[in-house]
Amino acid sequence: MAVSGIKLEVLRTSQLSFIAYWIVFLVGLLVAVYCAFLDLRYIRVQQAIAERELFRETLGEESFRKALRASPATSTKNDATPPS
């Protein structure tokens, strides 16, 4: 649209059509950017929902939590007392 605006003769002769053309162009550009931000927001919401459901399927299950509690106390090699 921006490139074709340069080639249109009517935009060179009438100042009103020139201004109207670029207003339409800028409105279209703003709508496209707004749609891109909405899409980005939608993707983030979908990711948060997927993460929440994954958590509920794994760590959120009662059977998994019981198995975790029943397992021996987790100890790491860093639990040893440091040398003096």
PDB file of N, CA and C in Angstrom:
ATOM      1  N   MET A   1       0.835  -1.185   0.000  1.00  0.00           N
ATOM      2  CA  MET A   1       0.000   0.000   0.000  1.00  0.00           C
ATOM      3  C   MET A   1       0.881   1.251   0.000  1.00  0.00           C
ATOM      4  N   ALA A   2       1.959   1.197   0.751  1.00  0.00           N
ATOM      5  CA  ALA A   2       2.834   2.367   0.785  1.00  0.00           C
ATOM      6  C   ALA A   2       3.524   2.567  -0.551  1.00  0.00           C
ATOM      7  N   VAL A   3       3.926   1.487  -1.195  1.00  0.00           N
ATOM      8  CA  VAL A   3       4.608   1.588  -2.480  1.00  0.00           C
ATOM      9  C   VAL A   3       3.637   2.015  -3.564  1.00  0.00           C
ATOM     10  N   SER A   4       2.426   1.468  -3.554  1.00  0.00           N
ATOM     11  CA  SER A   4       1.451   1.837  -4.579  1.00  0.00           C
ATOM     12  C   SER A   4       0.978   3.280  -4.400  1.00  0.00           C
ATOM     13  N   GLY A   5       1.059   3.803  -3.204  1.00  0.00           N
ATOM     14  CA  GLY A   5       0.664   5.188  -2.974  1.00  0.00           C
ATOM     15  C   GLY A   5       1.566   6.170  -3.683  1.00  0.00           C
ATOM     16  N   ILE A   6       2.804   5.795  -3.875  1.00  0.00           N
ATOM     17  CA  ILE A   6       3.746   6.663  -4.574  1.00  0.00           C
ATOM     18  C   ILE A   6       3.383   6.759  -6.050  1.00  0.00           C
ATOM     19  N   LYS A   7       2.832   5.683  -6.611  1.00  0.00           N
ATOM     20  CA  LYS A   7       2.571   5.616  -8.047  1.00  0.00           C
ATOM     21  C   LYS A   7       1.214   6.186  -8.444  1.00  0.00           C
ATOM     22  N   LEU A   8       0.313   6.411  -7.509  1.00  0.00           N
ATOM     23  CA  LEU A   8      -1.024   6.898  -7.850  1.00  0.00           C
ATOM     24  C   LEU A   8      -0.979   8.400  -8.151  1.00  0.00           C
ATOM     25  N   GLU A   9      -1.480   8.750  -9.303  1.00  0.00           N
ATOM     26  CA  GLU A   9      -1.462  10.148  -9.741  1.00  0.00           C
ATOM     27  C   GLU A   9      -2.460  10.998  -8.954  1.00  0.00           C
ATOM     28  N   VAL A  10      -3.579  10.395  -8.540  1.00  0.00           N
ATOM     29  CA  VAL A  10      -4.605  11.168  -7.838  1.00  0.00           C
ATOM     30  C   VAL A  10      -4.082  11.678  -6.487  1.00  0.00           C
ATOM     31  N   LEU A  11      -3.127  10.987  -5.908  1.00  0.00           N
ATOM     32  CA  LEU A  11      -2.570  11.431  -4.627  1.00  0.00           C
ATOM     33  C   LEU A  11      -1.661  12.646  -4.797  1.00  0.00           C
ATOM     34  N   ARG A  12      -1.135  12.801  -5.985  1.00  0.00           N
ATOM     35  CA  ARG A  12      -0.265  13.955  -6.251  1.00  0.00           C
ATOM     36  C   ARG A  12      -1.059  15.215  -6.564  1.00  0.00           C
ATOM     37  N   THR A  13      -2.269  15.039  -7.036  1.00  0.00           N
ATOM     38  CA  THR A  13      -3.050  16.213  -7.446  1.00  0.00           C
ATOM     39  C   THR A  13      -3.939  16.745  -6.327  1.00  0.00           C
ATOM     40  N   SER A  14      -4.450  15.893  -5.472  1.00  0.00           N
ATOM     41  CA  SER A  14      -5.379  16.339  -4.442  1.00  0.00           C
ATOM     42  C   SER A  14      -4.774  16.105  -3.058  1.00  0.00           C
ATOM     43  N   GLN A  15      -4.713  17.166  -2.300  1.00  0.00           N
ATOM     44  CA  GLN A  15      -4.154  17.059  -0.955  1.00  0.00           C
ATOM     45  C   GLN A  15      -5.090  16.270  -0.042  1.00  0.00           C
ATOM     46  N   LEU A  16      -6.397  16.401  -0.233  1.00  0.00           N
ATOM     47  CA  LEU A  16      -7.365  15.674   0.588  1.00  0.00           C
ATOM     48  C   LEU A  16      -7.264  14.176   0.358  1.00  0.00           C
ATOM     49  N   SER A  17      -7.140  13.748  -0.879  1.00  0.00           N
ATOM     50  CA  SER A  17      -7.007  12.318  -1.153  1.00  0.00           C
ATOM     51  C   SER A  17      -5.674  11.792  -0.628  1.00  0.00           C
ATOM     52  N   PHE A  18      -4.630  12.616  -0.678  1.00  0.00           N
ATOM     53  CA  PHE A  18      -3.331  12.225  -0.131  1.00  0.00           C
ATOM     54  C   PHE A  18      -3.426  11.962   1.372  1.00  0.00           C
ATOM     55  N   ILE A  19      -4.068  12.877   2.084  1.00  0.00           N
ATOM     56  CA  ILE A  19      -4.214  12.728   3.543  1.00  0.00           C
ATOM     57  C   ILE A  19      -5.111  11.544   3.878  1.00  0.00           C
ATOM     58  N   ALA A  20      -6.210  11.397   3.138  1.00  0.00           N
ATOM     59  CA  ALA A  20      -7.116  10.275   3.389  1.00  0.00           C
ATOM     60  C   ALA A  20      -6.416   8.944   3.141  1.00  0.00           C
ATOM     61  N   TYR A  21      -5.616   8.866   2.088  1.00  0.00           N
ATOM     62  CA  TYR A  21      -4.885   7.645   1.764  1.00  0.00           C
ATOM     63  C   TYR A  21      -3.958   7.251   2.904  1.00  0.00           C
ATOM     64  N   TRP A  22      -3.196   8.198   3.415  1.00  0.00           N
ATOM     65  CA  TRP A  22      -2.238   7.871   4.470  1.00  0.00           C
ATOM     66  C   TRP A  22      -2.927   7.624   5.811  1.00  0.00           C
ATOM     67  N   ILE A  23      -4.065   8.232   6.049  1.00  0.00           N
ATOM     68  CA  ILE A  23      -4.824   7.915   7.266  1.00  0.00           C
ATOM     69  C   ILE A  23      -5.306   6.472   7.209  1.00  0.00           C
ATOM     70  N   VAL A  24      -5.829   6.064   6.051  1.00  0.00           N
ATOM     71  CA  VAL A  24      -6.259   4.670   5.888  1.00  0.00           C
ATOM     72  C   VAL A  24      -5.066   3.730   6.055  1.00  0.00           C
ATOM     73  N   PHE A  25      -3.925   4.098   5.489  1.00  0.00           N
ATOM     74  CA  PHE A  25      -2.725   3.282   5.621  1.00  0.00           C
ATOM     75  C   PHE A  25      -2.307   3.140   7.086  1.00  0.00           C
ATOM     76  N   LEU A  26      -2.273   4.238   7.820  1.00  0.00           N
ATOM     77  CA  LEU A  26      -1.851   4.199   9.217  1.00  0.00           C
ATOM     78  C   LEU A  26      -2.847   3.444  10.094  1.00  0.00           C
ATOM     79  N   VAL A  27      -4.130   3.599   9.824  1.00  0.00           N
ATOM     80  CA  VAL A  27      -5.138   2.848  10.578  1.00  0.00           C
ATOM     81  C   VAL A  27      -4.963   1.351  10.327  1.00  0.00           C
ATOM     82  N   GLY A  28      -4.748   0.979   9.086  1.00  0.00           N
ATOM     83  CA  GLY A  28      -4.510  -0.434   8.761  1.00  0.00           C
ATOM     84  C   GLY A  28      -3.267  -0.966   9.441  1.00  0.00           C
ATOM     85  N   LEU A  29      -2.223  -0.159   9.481  1.00  0.00           N
ATOM     86  CA  LEU A  29      -0.991  -0.563  10.160  1.00  0.00           C
ATOM     87  C   LEU A  29      -1.221  -0.748  11.656  1.00  0.00           C
ATOM     88  N   LEU A  30      -1.936   0.184  12.274  1.00  0.00           N
ATOM     89  CA  LEU A  30      -2.222   0.070  13.706  1.00  0.00           C
ATOM     90  C   LEU A  30      -3.089  -1.141  14.013  1.00  0.00           C
ATOM     91  N   VAL A  31      -4.038  -1.433  13.149  1.00  0.00           N
ATOM     92  CA  VAL A  31      -4.879  -2.618  13.341  1.00  0.00           C
ATOM     93  C   VAL A  31      -4.030  -3.884  13.246  1.00  0.00           C
ATOM     94  N   ALA A  32      -3.096  -3.927  12.319  1.00  0.00           N
ATOM     95  CA  ALA A  32      -2.229  -5.099  12.170  1.00  0.00           C
ATOM     96  C   ALA A  32      -1.336  -5.281  13.397  1.00  0.00           C
ATOM     97  N   VAL A  33      -0.787  -4.204  13.917  1.00  0.00           N
ATOM     98  CA  VAL A  33       0.059  -4.286  15.116  1.00  0.00           C
ATOM     99  C   VAL A  33      -0.775  -4.713  16.323  1.00  0.00           C
ATOM    100  N   TYR A  34      -1.979  -4.189  16.435  1.00  0.00           N
ATOM    101  CA  TYR A  34      -2.865  -4.563  17.530  1.00  0.00           C
ATOM    102  C   TYR A  34      -3.213  -6.054  17.461  1.00  0.00           C
ATOM    103  N   CYS A  35      -3.480  -6.538  16.270  1.00  0.00           N
ATOM    104  CA  CYS A  35      -3.776  -7.969  16.102  1.00  0.00           C
ATOM    105  C   CYS A  35      -2.564  -8.825  16.478  1.00  0.00           C
ATOM    106  N   ALA A  36      -1.370  -8.352  16.154  1.00  0.00           N
ATOM    107  CA  ALA A  36      -0.159  -9.086  16.523  1.00  0.00           C
ATOM    108  C   ALA A  36      -0.010  -9.151  18.044  1.00  0.00           C
ATOM    109  N   PHE A  37      -0.287  -8.048  18.746  1.00  0.00           N
ATOM    110  CA  PHE A  37      -0.213  -8.060  20.203  1.00  0.00           C
ATOM    111  C   PHE A  37      -1.287  -8.960  20.814  1.00  0.00           C
ATOM    112  N   LEU A  38      -2.479  -8.955  20.238  1.00  0.00           N
ATOM    113  CA  LEU A  38      -3.523  -9.856  20.718  1.00  0.00           C
ATOM    114  C   LEU A  38      -3.123 -11.314  20.525  1.00  0.00           C
ATOM    115  N   ASP A  39      -2.504 -11.611  19.396  1.00  0.00           N
ATOM    116  CA  ASP A  39      -2.053 -12.970  19.127  1.00  0.00           C
ATOM    117  C   ASP A  39      -0.985 -13.385  20.130  1.00  0.00           C
ATOM    118  N   LEU A  40      -0.062 -12.501  20.411  1.00  0.00           N
ATOM    119  CA  LEU A  40       0.983 -12.785  21.388  1.00  0.00           C
ATOM    120  C   LEU A  40       0.385 -13.034  22.769  1.00  0.00           C
ATOM    121  N   ARG A  41      -0.568 -12.229  23.137  1.00  0.00           N
ATOM    122  CA  ARG A  41      -1.237 -12.401  24.438  1.00  0.00           C
ATOM    123  C   ARG A  41      -1.988 -13.733  24.489  1.00  0.00           C
ATOM    124  N   TYR A  42      -2.661 -14.097  23.396  1.00  0.00           N
ATOM    125  CA  TYR A  42      -3.387 -15.360  23.333  1.00  0.00           C
ATOM    126  C   TYR A  42      -2.437 -16.545  23.474  1.00  0.00           C
ATOM    127  N   ILE A  43      -1.271 -16.454  22.824  1.00  0.00           N
ATOM    128  CA  ILE A  43      -0.284 -17.531  22.925  1.00  0.00           C
ATOM    129  C   ILE A  43       0.209 -17.668  24.359  1.00  0.00           C
ATOM    130  N   ARG A  44       0.440 -16.557  25.032  1.00  0.00           N
ATOM    131  CA  ARG A  44       0.889 -16.617  26.434  1.00  0.00           C
ATOM    132  C   ARG A  44      -0.172 -17.217  27.343  1.00  0.00           C
ATOM    133  N   VAL A  45      -1.422 -16.898  27.110  1.00  0.00           N
ATOM    134  CA  VAL A  45      -2.512 -17.461  27.904  1.00  0.00           C
ATOM    135  C   VAL A  45      -2.604 -18.967  27.668  1.00  0.00           C
ATOM    136  N   GLN A  46      -2.497 -19.386  26.418  1.00  0.00           N
ATOM    137  CA  GLN A  46      -2.552 -20.807  26.100  1.00  0.00           C
ATOM    138  C   GLN A  46      -1.387 -21.550  26.743  1.00  0.00           C
ATOM    139  N   GLN A  47      -0.213 -20.946  26.777  1.00  0.00           N
ATOM    140  CA  GLN A  47       0.943 -21.575  27.406  1.00  0.00           C
ATOM    141  C   GLN A  47       0.731 -21.702  28.912  1.00  0.00           C
ATOM    142  N   ALA A  48       0.193 -20.687  29.537  1.00  0.00           N
ATOM    143  CA  ALA A  48      -0.060 -20.742  30.974  1.00  0.00           C
ATOM    144  C   ALA A  48      -1.088 -21.824  31.302  1.00  0.00           C
ATOM    145  N   ILE A  49      -2.109 -21.953  30.480  1.00  0.00           N
ATOM    146  CA  ILE A  49      -3.117 -22.991  30.695  1.00  0.00           C
ATOM    147  C   ILE A  49      -2.495 -24.374  30.540  1.00  0.00           C
ATOM    148  N   ALA A  50      -1.649 -24.545  29.532  1.00  0.00           N
ATOM    149  CA  ALA A  50      -0.997 -25.840  29.312  1.00  0.00           C
ATOM    150  C   ALA A  50      -0.060 -26.184  30.464  1.00  0.00           C
ATOM    151  N   GLU A  51       0.672 -25.200  30.970  1.00  0.00           N
ATOM    152  CA  GLU A  51       1.565 -25.448  32.104  1.00  0.00           C
ATOM    153  C   GLU A  51       0.772 -25.834  33.345  1.00  0.00           C
ATOM    154  N   ARG A  52      -0.334 -25.163  33.578  1.00  0.00           N
ATOM    155  CA  ARG A  52      -1.169 -25.462  34.734  1.00  0.00           C
ATOM    156  C   ARG A  52      -1.742 -26.880  34.647  1.00  0.00           C
ATOM    157  N   GLU A  53      -2.197 -27.268  33.463  1.00  0.00           N
ATOM    158  CA  GLU A  53      -2.749 -28.610  33.299  1.00  0.00           C
ATOM    159  C   GLU A  53      -1.672 -29.669  33.436  1.00  0.00           C
ATOM    160  N   LEU A  54      -0.476 -29.394  32.927  1.00  0.00           N
ATOM    161  CA  LEU A  54       0.626 -30.334  33.083  1.00  0.00           C
ATOM    162  C   LEU A  54       0.985 -30.501  34.555  1.00  0.00           C
ATOM    163  N   PHE A  55       0.991 -29.416  35.293  1.00  0.00           N
ATOM    164  CA  PHE A  55       1.269 -29.495  36.724  1.00  0.00           C
ATOM    165  C   PHE A  55       0.207 -30.332  37.427  1.00  0.00           C
ATOM    166  N   ARG A  56      -1.045 -30.104  37.085  1.00  0.00           N
ATOM    167  CA  ARG A  56      -2.119 -30.865  37.723  1.00  0.00           C
ATOM    168  C   ARG A  56      -2.056 -32.338  37.368  1.00  0.00           C
ATOM    169  N   GLU A  57      -1.612 -32.659  36.157  1.00  0.00           N
ATOM    170  CA  GLU A  57      -1.514 -34.055  35.749  1.00  0.00           C
ATOM    171  C   GLU A  57      -0.357 -34.774  36.428  1.00  0.00           C
ATOM    172  N   THR A  58       0.695 -34.054  36.786  1.00  0.00           N
ATOM    173  CA  THR A  58       1.868 -34.705  37.377  1.00  0.00           C
ATOM    174  C   THR A  58       1.938 -34.437  38.873  1.00  0.00           C
ATOM    175  N   LEU A  59       2.390 -33.289  39.252  1.00  0.00           N
ATOM    176  CA  LEU A  59       2.578 -32.981  40.669  1.00  0.00           C
ATOM    177  C   LEU A  59       1.260 -32.778  41.398  1.00  0.00           C
ATOM    178  N   GLY A  60       0.230 -32.451  40.694  1.00  0.00           N
ATOM    179  CA  GLY A  60      -1.051 -32.186  41.326  1.00  0.00           C
ATOM    180  C   GLY A  60      -1.824 -33.443  41.688  1.00  0.00           C
ATOM    181  N   GLU A  61      -1.420 -34.603  41.164  1.00  0.00           N
ATOM    182  CA  GLU A  61      -2.129 -35.840  41.474  1.00  0.00           C
ATOM    183  C   GLU A  61      -1.822 -36.280  42.899  1.00  0.00           C
ATOM    184  N   GLU A  62      -2.838 -36.719  43.552  1.00  0.00           N
ATOM    185  CA  GLU A  62      -2.682 -37.169  44.941  1.00  0.00           C
ATOM    186  C   GLU A  62      -1.784 -38.395  45.023  1.00  0.00           C
ATOM    187  N   SER A  63      -1.889 -39.318  44.069  1.00  0.00           N
ATOM    188  CA  SER A  63      -1.057 -40.526  44.097  1.00  0.00           C
ATOM    189  C   SER A  63       0.420 -40.172  43.972  1.00  0.00           C
ATOM    190  N   PHE A  64       0.747 -39.199  43.162  1.00  0.00           N
ATOM    191  CA  PHE A  64       2.137 -38.792  43.016  1.00  0.00           C
ATOM    192  C   PHE A  64       2.643 -38.149  44.303  1.00  0.00           C
ATOM    193  N   ARG A  65       1.830 -37.320  44.926  1.00  0.00           N
ATOM    194  CA  ARG A  65       2.255 -36.680  46.176  1.00  0.00           C
ATOM    195  C   ARG A  65       2.443 -37.710  47.284  1.00  0.00           C
ATOM    196  N   LYS A  66       1.585 -38.715  47.330  1.00  0.00           N
ATOM    197  CA  LYS A  66       1.745 -39.776  48.334  1.00  0.00           C
ATOM    198  C   LYS A  66       3.039 -40.545  48.098  1.00  0.00           C
ATOM    199  N   ALA A  67       3.345 -40.830  46.852  1.00  0.00           N
ATOM    200  CA  ALA A  67       4.581 -41.541  46.533  1.00  0.00           C
ATOM    201  C   ALA A  67       5.795 -40.699  46.903  1.00  0.00           C
ATOM    202  N   LEU A  68       5.705 -39.403  46.705  1.00  0.00           N
ATOM    203  CA  LEU A  68       6.805 -38.520  47.083  1.00  0.00           C
ATOM    204  C   LEU A  68       7.013 -38.509  48.592  1.00  0.00           C
ATOM    205  N   ARG A  69       5.911 -38.450  49.325  1.00  0.00           N
ATOM    206  CA  ARG A  69       6.018 -38.443  50.790  1.00  0.00           C
ATOM    207  C   ARG A  69       6.529 -39.774  51.316  1.00  0.00           C
ATOM    208  N   ALA A  70       6.182 -40.870  50.643  1.00  0.00           N
ATOM    209  CA  ALA A  70       6.583 -42.191  51.105  1.00  0.00           C
ATOM    210  C   ALA A  70       8.032 -42.509  50.766  1.00  0.00           C
ATOM    211  N   SER A  71       8.599 -41.815  49.800  1.00  0.00           N
ATOM    212  CA  SER A  71       9.984 -42.085  49.416  1.00  0.00           C
ATOM    213  C   SER A  71      10.914 -41.663  50.548  1.00  0.00           C
ATOM    214  N   PRO A  72      12.078 -42.289  50.625  1.00  0.00           N
ATOM    215  CA  PRO A  72      13.023 -41.898  51.692  1.00  0.00           C
ATOM    216  C   PRO A  72      13.398 -40.434  51.554  1.00  0.00           C
ATOM    217  N   ALA A  73      13.773 -39.853  52.658  1.00  0.00           N
ATOM    218  CA  ALA A  73      14.122 -38.434  52.659  1.00  0.00           C
ATOM    219  C   ALA A  73      15.220 -38.186  51.637  1.00  0.00           C
ATOM    220  N   THR A  74      15.009 -37.203  50.837  1.00  0.00           N
ATOM    221  CA  THR A  74      16.001 -36.911  49.801  1.00  0.00           C
ATOM    222  C   THR A  74      17.179 -36.207  50.436  1.00  0.00           C
ATOM    223  N   SER A  75      18.327 -36.775  50.223  1.00  0.00           N
ATOM    224  CA  SER A  75      19.536 -36.142  50.744  1.00  0.00           C
ATOM    225  C   SER A  75      20.507 -35.999  49.596  1.00  0.00           C
ATOM    226  N   THR A  76      21.208 -34.924  49.612  1.00  0.00           N
ATOM    227  CA  THR A  76      22.197 -34.677  48.572  1.00  0.00           C
ATOM    228  C   THR A  76      23.580 -34.773  49.173  1.00  0.00           C
ATOM    229  N   LYS A  77      24.555 -34.785  48.333  1.00  0.00           N
ATOM    230  CA  LYS A  77      25.937 -34.853  48.804  1.00  0.00           C
ATOM    231  C   LYS A  77      26.322 -33.571  49.545  1.00  0.00           C
ATOM    232  N   ASN A  78      25.602 -32.515  49.352  1.00  0.00           N
ATOM    233  CA  ASN A  78      25.920 -31.247  49.997  1.00  0.00           C
ATOM    234  C   ASN A  78      25.434 -31.203  51.437  1.00  0.00           C
ATOM    235  N   ASP A  79      24.674 -32.223  51.871  1.00  0.00           N
ATOM    236  CA  ASP A  79      24.175 -32.243  53.244  1.00  0.00           C
ATOM    237  C   ASP A  79      25.265 -32.609  54.247  1.00  0.00           C
ATOM    238  N   ALA A  80      26.351 -33.163  53.804  1.00  0.00           N
ATOM    239  CA  ALA A  80      27.426 -33.547  54.710  1.00  0.00           C
ATOM    240  C   ALA A  80      28.020 -32.305  55.354  1.00  0.00           C
ATOM    241  N   THR A  81      28.524 -32.472  56.556  1.00  0.00           N
ATOM    242  CA  THR A  81      29.103 -31.329  57.249  1.00  0.00           C
ATOM    243  C   THR A  81      30.404 -30.927  56.568  1.00  0.00           C
ATOM    244  N   PRO A  82      30.609 -29.657  56.420  1.00  0.00           N
ATOM    245  CA  PRO A  82      31.835 -29.205  55.738  1.00  0.00           C
ATOM    246  C   PRO A  82      33.058 -29.437  56.622  1.00  0.00           C
ATOM    247  N   PRO A  83      34.205 -29.700  56.027  1.00  0.00           N
ATOM    248  CA  PRO A  83      35.415 -29.907  56.833  1.00  0.00           C
ATOM    249  C   PRO A  83      35.818 -28.636  57.549  1.00  0.00           C
ATOM    250  N   SER A  84      36.359 -28.797  58.755  1.00  0.00           N
ATOM    251  CA  SER A  84      36.745 -27.639  59.557  1.00  0.00           C
ATOM    252  C   SER A  84      38.137 -27.184  59.277  1.00  0.00           C
TER     253      SER A  84
END
